[in-house]
Amino acid sequence: IDKSLGDKYYNYIVNYINNKTEHLTSYHSRE
């Protein structure tokens, strides 16, 4: 994790991953 990128960048990507993988329960499928 690049700590210099800021919360806005981090939250944008985390929210995107959550939205796209919410139908998956297995961590390795989400990965």
PDB file of all heavy atoms in Angstrom:
ATOM      1  N   ILE A   1       0.851  -1.186   0.000  1.00  0.00           N
ATOM      2  CA  ILE A   1       0.000   0.000   0.000  1.00  0.00           C
ATOM      3  C   ILE A   1       0.887   1.236   0.000  1.00  0.00           C
ATOM      4  O   ILE A   1       1.782   1.376   0.845  1.00  0.00           O
ATOM      5  CB  ILE A   1      -0.926   0.009   1.232  1.00  0.00           C
ATOM      6  CG1 ILE A   1      -1.906  -1.163   1.154  1.00  0.00           C
ATOM      7  CG2 ILE A   1      -1.685   1.334   1.334  1.00  0.00           C
ATOM      8  CD1 ILE A   1      -2.786  -1.315   2.373  1.00  0.00           C
ATOM      9  N   ASP A   2       0.637   2.114  -0.954  1.00  0.00           N
ATOM     10  CA  ASP A   2       1.363   3.381  -1.047  1.00  0.00           C
ATOM     11  C   ASP A   2       0.673   4.382  -0.118  1.00  0.00           C
ATOM     12  O   ASP A   2      -0.438   4.837  -0.391  1.00  0.00           O
ATOM     13  CB  ASP A   2       1.344   3.874  -2.495  1.00  0.00           C
ATOM     14  CG  ASP A   2       2.187   5.119  -2.704  1.00  0.00           C
ATOM     15  OD1 ASP A   2       2.542   5.773  -1.700  1.00  0.00           O
ATOM     16  OD2 ASP A   2       2.482   5.451  -3.866  1.00  0.00           O
ATOM     17  N   LYS A   3       1.323   4.741   0.978  1.00  0.00           N
ATOM     18  CA  LYS A   3       0.701   5.582   2.003  1.00  0.00           C
ATOM     19  C   LYS A   3       0.593   7.050   1.579  1.00  0.00           C
ATOM     20  O   LYS A   3      -0.047   7.842   2.258  1.00  0.00           O
ATOM     21  CB  LYS A   3       1.517   5.471   3.295  1.00  0.00           C
ATOM     22  CG  LYS A   3       1.502   4.075   3.903  1.00  0.00           C
ATOM     23  CD  LYS A   3       2.524   3.926   5.024  1.00  0.00           C
ATOM     24  CE  LYS A   3       2.177   4.787   6.222  1.00  0.00           C
ATOM     25  NZ  LYS A   3       3.151   4.560   7.328  1.00  0.00           N
ATOM     26  N   SER A   4       1.211   7.420   0.469  1.00  0.00           N
ATOM     27  CA  SER A   4       1.227   8.829   0.054  1.00  0.00           C
ATOM     28  C   SER A   4       0.038   9.214  -0.826  1.00  0.00           C
ATOM     29  O   SER A   4      -0.102  10.378  -1.190  1.00  0.00           O
ATOM     30  CB  SER A   4       2.525   9.124  -0.702  1.00  0.00           C
ATOM     31  OG  SER A   4       2.542   8.421  -1.947  1.00  0.00           O
ATOM     32  N   LEU A   5      -0.832   8.263  -1.175  1.00  0.00           N
ATOM     33  CA  LEU A   5      -1.861   8.536  -2.183  1.00  0.00           C
ATOM     34  C   LEU A   5      -3.087   9.254  -1.631  1.00  0.00           C
ATOM     35  O   LEU A   5      -3.856   9.839  -2.388  1.00  0.00           O
ATOM     36  CB  LEU A   5      -2.277   7.226  -2.863  1.00  0.00           C
ATOM     37  CG  LEU A   5      -1.174   6.568  -3.687  1.00  0.00           C
ATOM     38  CD1 LEU A   5      -1.617   5.204  -4.185  1.00  0.00           C
ATOM     39  CD2 LEU A   5      -0.773   7.448  -4.857  1.00  0.00           C
ATOM     40  N   GLY A   6      -3.348   9.162  -0.357  1.00  0.00           N
ATOM     41  CA  GLY A   6      -4.457   9.905   0.229  1.00  0.00           C
ATOM     42  C   GLY A   6      -5.728   9.092   0.361  1.00  0.00           C
ATOM     43  O   GLY A   6      -5.943   8.091  -0.330  1.00  0.00           O
ATOM     44  N   ASP A   7      -6.612   9.562   1.262  1.00  0.00           N
ATOM     45  CA  ASP A   7      -7.844   8.838   1.579  1.00  0.00           C
ATOM     46  C   ASP A   7      -8.821   8.788   0.407  1.00  0.00           C
ATOM     47  O   ASP A   7      -9.516   7.792   0.219  1.00  0.00           O
ATOM     48  CB  ASP A   7      -8.536   9.481   2.785  1.00  0.00           C
ATOM     49  CG  ASP A   7      -7.757   9.270   4.068  1.00  0.00           C
ATOM     50  OD1 ASP A   7      -6.894   8.374   4.089  1.00  0.00           O
ATOM     51  OD2 ASP A   7      -7.999  10.013   5.043  1.00  0.00           O
ATOM     52  N   LYS A   8      -8.902   9.855  -0.371  1.00  0.00           N
ATOM     53  CA  LYS A   8      -9.864   9.904  -1.477  1.00  0.00           C
ATOM     54  C   LYS A   8      -9.571   8.806  -2.497  1.00  0.00           C
ATOM     55  O   LYS A   8     -10.474   8.092  -2.967  1.00  0.00           O
ATOM     56  CB  LYS A   8      -9.835  11.276  -2.139  1.00  0.00           C
ATOM     57  CG  LYS A   8     -10.971  11.523  -3.113  1.00  0.00           C
ATOM     58  CD  LYS A   8     -10.953  12.965  -3.610  1.00  0.00           C
ATOM     59  CE  LYS A   8     -12.109  13.207  -4.583  1.00  0.00           C
ATOM     60  NZ  LYS A   8     -12.089  14.610  -5.093  1.00  0.00           N
ATOM     61  N   TYR A   9      -8.312   8.650  -2.833  1.00  0.00           N
ATOM     62  CA  TYR A   9      -7.873   7.614  -3.775  1.00  0.00           C
ATOM     63  C   TYR A   9      -8.140   6.230  -3.187  1.00  0.00           C
ATOM     64  O   TYR A   9      -8.712   5.357  -3.840  1.00  0.00           O
ATOM     65  CB  TYR A   9      -6.383   7.804  -4.055  1.00  0.00           C
ATOM     66  CG  TYR A   9      -5.763   6.831  -5.028  1.00  0.00           C
ATOM     67  CD1 TYR A   9      -5.714   7.120  -6.386  1.00  0.00           C
ATOM     68  CD2 TYR A   9      -5.186   5.635  -4.592  1.00  0.00           C
ATOM     69  CE1 TYR A   9      -5.120   6.246  -7.293  1.00  0.00           C
ATOM     70  CE2 TYR A   9      -4.596   4.758  -5.484  1.00  0.00           C
ATOM     71  CZ  TYR A   9      -4.562   5.066  -6.826  1.00  0.00           C
ATOM     72  OH  TYR A   9      -3.982   4.201  -7.705  1.00  0.00           O
ATOM     73  N   TYR A  10      -7.744   6.046  -1.935  1.00  0.00           N
ATOM     74  CA  TYR A  10      -7.919   4.758  -1.258  1.00  0.00           C
ATOM     75  C   TYR A  10      -9.392   4.382  -1.178  1.00  0.00           C
ATOM     76  O   TYR A  10      -9.785   3.251  -1.527  1.00  0.00           O
ATOM     77  CB  TYR A  10      -7.308   4.832   0.137  1.00  0.00           C
ATOM     78  CG  TYR A  10      -7.470   3.571   0.960  1.00  0.00           C
ATOM     79  CD1 TYR A  10      -6.579   2.504   0.810  1.00  0.00           C
ATOM     80  CD2 TYR A  10      -8.508   3.443   1.877  1.00  0.00           C
ATOM     81  CE1 TYR A  10      -6.719   1.345   1.566  1.00  0.00           C
ATOM     82  CE2 TYR A  10      -8.657   2.285   2.632  1.00  0.00           C
ATOM     83  CZ  TYR A  10      -7.764   1.245   2.469  1.00  0.00           C
ATOM     84  OH  TYR A  10      -7.918   0.087   3.202  1.00  0.00           O
ATOM     85  N   ASN A  11     -10.245   5.286  -0.747  1.00  0.00           N
ATOM     86  CA  ASN A  11     -11.674   4.992  -0.577  1.00  0.00           C
ATOM     87  C   ASN A  11     -12.365   4.726  -1.912  1.00  0.00           C
ATOM     88  O   ASN A  11     -13.264   3.881  -2.006  1.00  0.00           O
ATOM     89  CB  ASN A  11     -12.370   6.142   0.149  1.00  0.00           C
ATOM     90  CG  ASN A  11     -11.944   6.251   1.605  1.00  0.00           C
ATOM     91  OD1 ASN A  11     -11.547   5.255   2.216  1.00  0.00           O
ATOM     92  ND2 ASN A  11     -11.992   7.450   2.163  1.00  0.00           N
ATOM     93  N   TYR A  12     -11.940   5.426  -2.952  1.00  0.00           N
ATOM     94  CA  TYR A  12     -12.518   5.214  -4.291  1.00  0.00           C
ATOM     95  C   TYR A  12     -12.303   3.768  -4.731  1.00  0.00           C
ATOM     96  O   TYR A  12     -13.225   3.088  -5.189  1.00  0.00           O
ATOM     97  CB  TYR A  12     -11.859   6.179  -5.280  1.00  0.00           C
ATOM     98  CG  TYR A  12     -12.318   6.027  -6.720  1.00  0.00           C
ATOM     99  CD1 TYR A  12     -13.383   6.772  -7.213  1.00  0.00           C
ATOM    100  CD2 TYR A  12     -11.660   5.155  -7.600  1.00  0.00           C
ATOM    101  CE1 TYR A  12     -13.793   6.668  -8.543  1.00  0.00           C
ATOM    102  CE2 TYR A  12     -12.059   5.033  -8.917  1.00  0.00           C
ATOM    103  CZ  TYR A  12     -13.124   5.781  -9.381  1.00  0.00           C
ATOM    104  OH  TYR A  12     -13.533   5.648 -10.695  1.00  0.00           O
ATOM    105  N   ILE A  13     -11.079   3.276  -4.580  1.00  0.00           N
ATOM    106  CA  ILE A  13     -10.758   1.914  -5.019  1.00  0.00           C
ATOM    107  C   ILE A  13     -11.400   0.874  -4.108  1.00  0.00           C
ATOM    108  O   ILE A  13     -11.953  -0.129  -4.588  1.00  0.00           O
ATOM    109  CB  ILE A  13      -9.236   1.724  -5.102  1.00  0.00           C
ATOM    110  CG1 ILE A  13      -8.685   2.583  -6.246  1.00  0.00           C
ATOM    111  CG2 ILE A  13      -8.878   0.255  -5.323  1.00  0.00           C
ATOM    112  CD1 ILE A  13      -7.182   2.552  -6.389  1.00  0.00           C
ATOM    113  N   VAL A  14     -11.364   1.087  -2.806  1.00  0.00           N
ATOM    114  CA  VAL A  14     -11.984   0.140  -1.876  1.00  0.00           C
ATOM    115  C   VAL A  14     -13.479   0.016  -2.144  1.00  0.00           C
ATOM    116  O   VAL A  14     -14.032  -1.098  -2.172  1.00  0.00           O
ATOM    117  CB  VAL A  14     -11.733   0.570  -0.416  1.00  0.00           C
ATOM    118  CG1 VAL A  14     -12.634  -0.216   0.545  1.00  0.00           C
ATOM    119  CG2 VAL A  14     -10.271   0.350  -0.040  1.00  0.00           C
ATOM    120  N   ASN A  15     -14.150   1.142  -2.349  1.00  0.00           N
ATOM    121  CA  ASN A  15     -15.592   1.104  -2.643  1.00  0.00           C
ATOM    122  C   ASN A  15     -15.867   0.404  -3.964  1.00  0.00           C
ATOM    123  O   ASN A  15     -16.843  -0.346  -4.092  1.00  0.00           O
ATOM    124  CB  ASN A  15     -16.161   2.531  -2.672  1.00  0.00           C
ATOM    125  CG  ASN A  15     -16.219   3.159  -1.303  1.00  0.00           C
ATOM    126  OD1 ASN A  15     -16.276   2.457  -0.289  1.00  0.00           O
ATOM    127  ND2 ASN A  15     -16.187   4.483  -1.250  1.00  0.00           N
ATOM    128  N   TYR A  16     -15.000   0.645  -4.943  1.00  0.00           N
ATOM    129  CA  TYR A  16     -15.163  -0.018  -6.240  1.00  0.00           C
ATOM    130  C   TYR A  16     -15.034  -1.535  -6.089  1.00  0.00           C
ATOM    131  O   TYR A  16     -15.859  -2.298  -6.597  1.00  0.00           O
ATOM    132  CB  TYR A  16     -14.122   0.515  -7.228  1.00  0.00           C
ATOM    133  CG  TYR A  16     -14.099  -0.228  -8.536  1.00  0.00           C
ATOM    134  CD1 TYR A  16     -15.114  -0.046  -9.465  1.00  0.00           C
ATOM    135  CD2 TYR A  16     -13.091  -1.137  -8.836  1.00  0.00           C
ATOM    136  CE1 TYR A  16     -15.114  -0.742 -10.666  1.00  0.00           C
ATOM    137  CE2 TYR A  16     -13.085  -1.833 -10.030  1.00  0.00           C
ATOM    138  CZ  TYR A  16     -14.096  -1.633 -10.940  1.00  0.00           C
ATOM    139  OH  TYR A  16     -14.111  -2.333 -12.108  1.00  0.00           O
ATOM    140  N   ILE A  17     -13.997  -1.988  -5.373  1.00  0.00           N
ATOM    141  CA  ILE A  17     -13.802  -3.431  -5.170  1.00  0.00           C
ATOM    142  C   ILE A  17     -14.981  -4.028  -4.421  1.00  0.00           C
ATOM    143  O   ILE A  17     -15.500  -5.098  -4.792  1.00  0.00           O
ATOM    144  CB  ILE A  17     -12.489  -3.689  -4.399  1.00  0.00           C
ATOM    145  CG1 ILE A  17     -11.281  -3.277  -5.243  1.00  0.00           C
ATOM    146  CG2 ILE A  17     -12.375  -5.165  -4.006  1.00  0.00           C
ATOM    147  CD1 ILE A  17      -9.967  -3.281  -4.470  1.00  0.00           C
ATOM    148  N   ASN A  18     -15.434  -3.367  -3.376  1.00  0.00           N
ATOM    149  CA  ASN A  18     -16.577  -3.872  -2.600  1.00  0.00           C
ATOM    150  C   ASN A  18     -17.820  -4.018  -3.463  1.00  0.00           C
ATOM    151  O   ASN A  18     -18.542  -5.024  -3.394  1.00  0.00           O
ATOM    152  CB  ASN A  18     -16.857  -2.946  -1.423  1.00  0.00           C
ATOM    153  CG  ASN A  18     -15.822  -3.067  -0.324  1.00  0.00           C
ATOM    154  OD1 ASN A  18     -15.085  -4.051  -0.263  1.00  0.00           O
ATOM    155  ND2 ASN A  18     -15.748  -2.070   0.540  1.00  0.00           N
ATOM    156  N   ASN A  19     -18.098  -2.991  -4.289  1.00  0.00           N
ATOM    157  CA  ASN A  19     -19.293  -3.027  -5.136  1.00  0.00           C
ATOM    158  C   ASN A  19     -19.225  -4.134  -6.175  1.00  0.00           C
ATOM    159  O   ASN A  19     -20.226  -4.811  -6.454  1.00  0.00           O
ATOM    160  CB  ASN A  19     -19.481  -1.672  -5.834  1.00  0.00           C
ATOM    161  CG  ASN A  19     -19.890  -0.577  -4.876  1.00  0.00           C
ATOM    162  OD1 ASN A  19     -20.451  -0.849  -3.815  1.00  0.00           O
ATOM    163  ND2 ASN A  19     -19.593   0.664  -5.227  1.00  0.00           N
ATOM    164  N   LYS A  20     -18.045  -4.350  -6.742  1.00  0.00           N
ATOM    165  CA  LYS A  20     -17.914  -5.331  -7.824  1.00  0.00           C
ATOM    166  C   LYS A  20     -17.827  -6.767  -7.319  1.00  0.00           C
ATOM    167  O   LYS A  20     -18.101  -7.706  -8.070  1.00  0.00           O
ATOM    168  CB  LYS A  20     -16.677  -5.024  -8.683  1.00  0.00           C
ATOM    169  CG  LYS A  20     -16.718  -3.690  -9.402  1.00  0.00           C
ATOM    170  CD  LYS A  20     -17.957  -3.522 -10.259  1.00  0.00           C
ATOM    171  CE  LYS A  20     -18.058  -4.536 -11.358  1.00  0.00           C
ATOM    172  NZ  LYS A  20     -19.270  -4.361 -12.181  1.00  0.00           N
ATOM    173  N   THR A  21     -17.420  -6.944  -6.054  1.00  0.00           N
ATOM    174  CA  THR A  21     -17.229  -8.308  -5.553  1.00  0.00           C
ATOM    175  C   THR A  21     -18.233  -8.679  -4.457  1.00  0.00           C
ATOM    176  O   THR A  21     -18.083  -9.727  -3.817  1.00  0.00           O
ATOM    177  CB  THR A  21     -15.798  -8.494  -4.990  1.00  0.00           C
ATOM    178  OG1 THR A  21     -15.613  -7.640  -3.853  1.00  0.00           O
ATOM    179  CG2 THR A  21     -14.755  -8.171  -6.048  1.00  0.00           C
ATOM    180  N   GLU A  22     -19.262  -7.857  -4.264  1.00  0.00           N
ATOM    181  CA  GLU A  22     -20.191  -8.114  -3.161  1.00  0.00           C
ATOM    182  C   GLU A  22     -20.982  -9.411  -3.336  1.00  0.00           C
ATOM    183  O   GLU A  22     -21.506  -9.958  -2.356  1.00  0.00           O
ATOM    184  CB  GLU A  22     -21.152  -6.931  -2.988  1.00  0.00           C
ATOM    185  CG  GLU A  22     -22.051  -6.668  -4.174  1.00  0.00           C
ATOM    186  CD  GLU A  22     -22.931  -5.450  -3.965  1.00  0.00           C
ATOM    187  OE1 GLU A  22     -22.910  -4.900  -2.842  1.00  0.00           O
ATOM    188  OE2 GLU A  22     -23.638  -5.057  -4.922  1.00  0.00           O
ATOM    189  N   HIS A  23     -21.081  -9.932  -4.557  1.00  0.00           N
ATOM    190  CA  HIS A  23     -21.806 -11.189  -4.785  1.00  0.00           C
ATOM    191  C   HIS A  23     -20.961 -12.415  -4.441  1.00  0.00           C
ATOM    192  O   HIS A  23     -21.459 -13.541  -4.482  1.00  0.00           O
ATOM    193  CB  HIS A  23     -22.256 -11.269  -6.249  1.00  0.00           C
ATOM    194  CG  HIS A  23     -21.141 -11.388  -7.241  1.00  0.00           C
ATOM    195  ND1 HIS A  23     -20.224 -10.395  -7.449  1.00  0.00           N
ATOM    196  CD2 HIS A  23     -20.777 -12.406  -8.077  1.00  0.00           C
ATOM    197  CE1 HIS A  23     -19.349 -10.766  -8.373  1.00  0.00           C
ATOM    198  NE2 HIS A  23     -19.665 -11.985  -8.768  1.00  0.00           N
ATOM    199  N   LEU A  24     -19.692 -12.208  -4.101  1.00  0.00           N
ATOM    200  CA  LEU A  24     -18.783 -13.315  -3.817  1.00  0.00           C
ATOM    201  C   LEU A  24     -18.522 -13.412  -2.306  1.00  0.00           C
ATOM    202  O   LEU A  24     -18.222 -12.406  -1.657  1.00  0.00           O
ATOM    203  CB  LEU A  24     -17.456 -13.111  -4.551  1.00  0.00           C
ATOM    204  CG  LEU A  24     -17.547 -12.967  -6.077  1.00  0.00           C
ATOM    205  CD1 LEU A  24     -16.201 -12.540  -6.656  1.00  0.00           C
ATOM    206  CD2 LEU A  24     -18.021 -14.260  -6.716  1.00  0.00           C
ATOM    207  N   THR A  25     -18.613 -14.628  -1.770  1.00  0.00           N
ATOM    208  CA  THR A  25     -18.347 -14.843  -0.339  1.00  0.00           C
ATOM    209  C   THR A  25     -16.948 -15.381  -0.099  1.00  0.00           C
ATOM    210  O   THR A  25     -16.367 -15.173   0.967  1.00  0.00           O
ATOM    211  CB  THR A  25     -19.368 -15.824   0.266  1.00  0.00           C
ATOM    212  OG1 THR A  25     -19.279 -17.089  -0.423  1.00  0.00           O
ATOM    213  CG2 THR A  25     -20.785 -15.287   0.129  1.00  0.00           C
ATOM    214  N   SER A  26     -16.390 -16.092  -1.063  1.00  0.00           N
ATOM    215  CA  SER A  26     -15.055 -16.666  -0.929  1.00  0.00           C
ATOM    216  C   SER A  26     -13.993 -15.587  -1.145  1.00  0.00           C
ATOM    217  O   SER A  26     -14.010 -14.871  -2.151  1.00  0.00           O
ATOM    218  CB  SER A  26     -14.860 -17.787  -1.955  1.00  0.00           C
ATOM    219  OG  SER A  26     -13.488 -18.050  -2.161  1.00  0.00           O
ATOM    220  N   TYR A  27     -13.046 -15.491  -0.215  1.00  0.00           N
ATOM    221  CA  TYR A  27     -11.966 -14.516  -0.354  1.00  0.00           C
ATOM    222  C   TYR A  27     -11.166 -14.764  -1.625  1.00  0.00           C
ATOM    223  O   TYR A  27     -10.788 -13.824  -2.331  1.00  0.00           O
ATOM    224  CB  TYR A  27     -11.037 -14.555   0.863  1.00  0.00           C
ATOM    225  CG  TYR A  27      -9.765 -13.770   0.633  1.00  0.00           C
ATOM    226  CD1 TYR A  27      -9.778 -12.382   0.628  1.00  0.00           C
ATOM    227  CD2 TYR A  27      -8.553 -14.427   0.382  1.00  0.00           C
ATOM    228  CE1 TYR A  27      -8.622 -11.659   0.385  1.00  0.00           C
ATOM    229  CE2 TYR A  27      -7.396 -13.717   0.146  1.00  0.00           C
ATOM    230  CZ  TYR A  27      -7.434 -12.331   0.143  1.00  0.00           C
ATOM    231  OH  TYR A  27      -6.286 -11.613  -0.104  1.00  0.00           O
ATOM    232  N   HIS A  28     -10.901 -16.019  -1.955  1.00  0.00           N
ATOM    233  CA  HIS A  28     -10.042 -16.309  -3.103  1.00  0.00           C
ATOM    234  C   HIS A  28     -10.740 -16.025  -4.435  1.00  0.00           C
ATOM    235  O   HIS A  28     -10.084 -15.684  -5.413  1.00  0.00           O
ATOM    236  CB  HIS A  28      -9.533 -17.749  -3.022  1.00  0.00           C
ATOM    237  CG  HIS A  28      -8.598 -17.961  -1.875  1.00  0.00           C
ATOM    238  ND1 HIS A  28      -8.970 -18.616  -0.723  1.00  0.00           N
ATOM    239  CD2 HIS A  28      -7.310 -17.562  -1.686  1.00  0.00           C
ATOM    240  CE1 HIS A  28      -7.951 -18.623   0.125  1.00  0.00           C
ATOM    241  NE2 HIS A  28      -6.933 -18.004  -0.434  1.00  0.00           N
ATOM    242  N   SER A  29     -12.068 -16.144  -4.471  1.00  0.00           N
ATOM    243  CA  SER A  29     -12.800 -15.704  -5.657  1.00  0.00           C
ATOM    244  C   SER A  29     -12.760 -14.181  -5.771  1.00  0.00           C
ATOM    245  O   SER A  29     -12.573 -13.627  -6.855  1.00  0.00           O
ATOM    246  CB  SER A  29     -14.251 -16.183  -5.599  1.00  0.00           C
ATOM    247  OG  SER A  29     -14.341 -17.550  -5.910  1.00  0.00           O
ATOM    248  N   ARG A  30     -12.933 -13.503  -4.636  1.00  0.00           N
ATOM    249  CA  ARG A  30     -12.852 -12.038  -4.637  1.00  0.00           C
ATOM    250  C   ARG A  30     -11.458 -11.586  -5.055  1.00  0.00           C
ATOM    251  O   ARG A  30     -11.296 -10.607  -5.790  1.00  0.00           O
ATOM    252  CB  ARG A  30     -13.195 -11.489  -3.249  1.00  0.00           C
ATOM    253  CG  ARG A  30     -14.625 -11.749  -2.791  1.00  0.00           C
ATOM    254  CD  ARG A  30     -14.898 -11.116  -1.441  1.00  0.00           C
ATOM    255  NE  ARG A  30     -14.976  -9.679  -1.581  1.00  0.00           N
ATOM    256  CZ  ARG A  30     -14.713  -8.802  -0.606  1.00  0.00           C
ATOM    257  NH1 ARG A  30     -14.290  -9.239   0.569  1.00  0.00           N
ATOM    258  NH2 ARG A  30     -14.839  -7.511  -0.809  1.00  0.00           N
ATOM    259  N   GLU A  31     -10.458 -12.308  -4.597  1.00  0.00           N
ATOM    260  CA  GLU A  31      -9.074 -11.969  -4.920  1.00  0.00           C
ATOM    261  C   GLU A  31      -8.824 -12.084  -6.431  1.00  0.00           C
ATOM    262  O   GLU A  31      -8.266 -11.171  -7.050  1.00  0.00           O
ATOM    263  CB  GLU A  31      -8.144 -12.893  -4.150  1.00  0.00           C
ATOM    264  CG  GLU A  31      -6.671 -12.630  -4.372  1.00  0.00           C
ATOM    265  CD  GLU A  31      -5.805 -13.652  -3.654  1.00  0.00           C
ATOM    266  OE1 GLU A  31      -6.058 -14.873  -3.831  1.00  0.00           O
ATOM    267  OE2 GLU A  31      -4.878 -13.244  -2.944  1.00  0.00           O
TER     268      GLU A  31
END
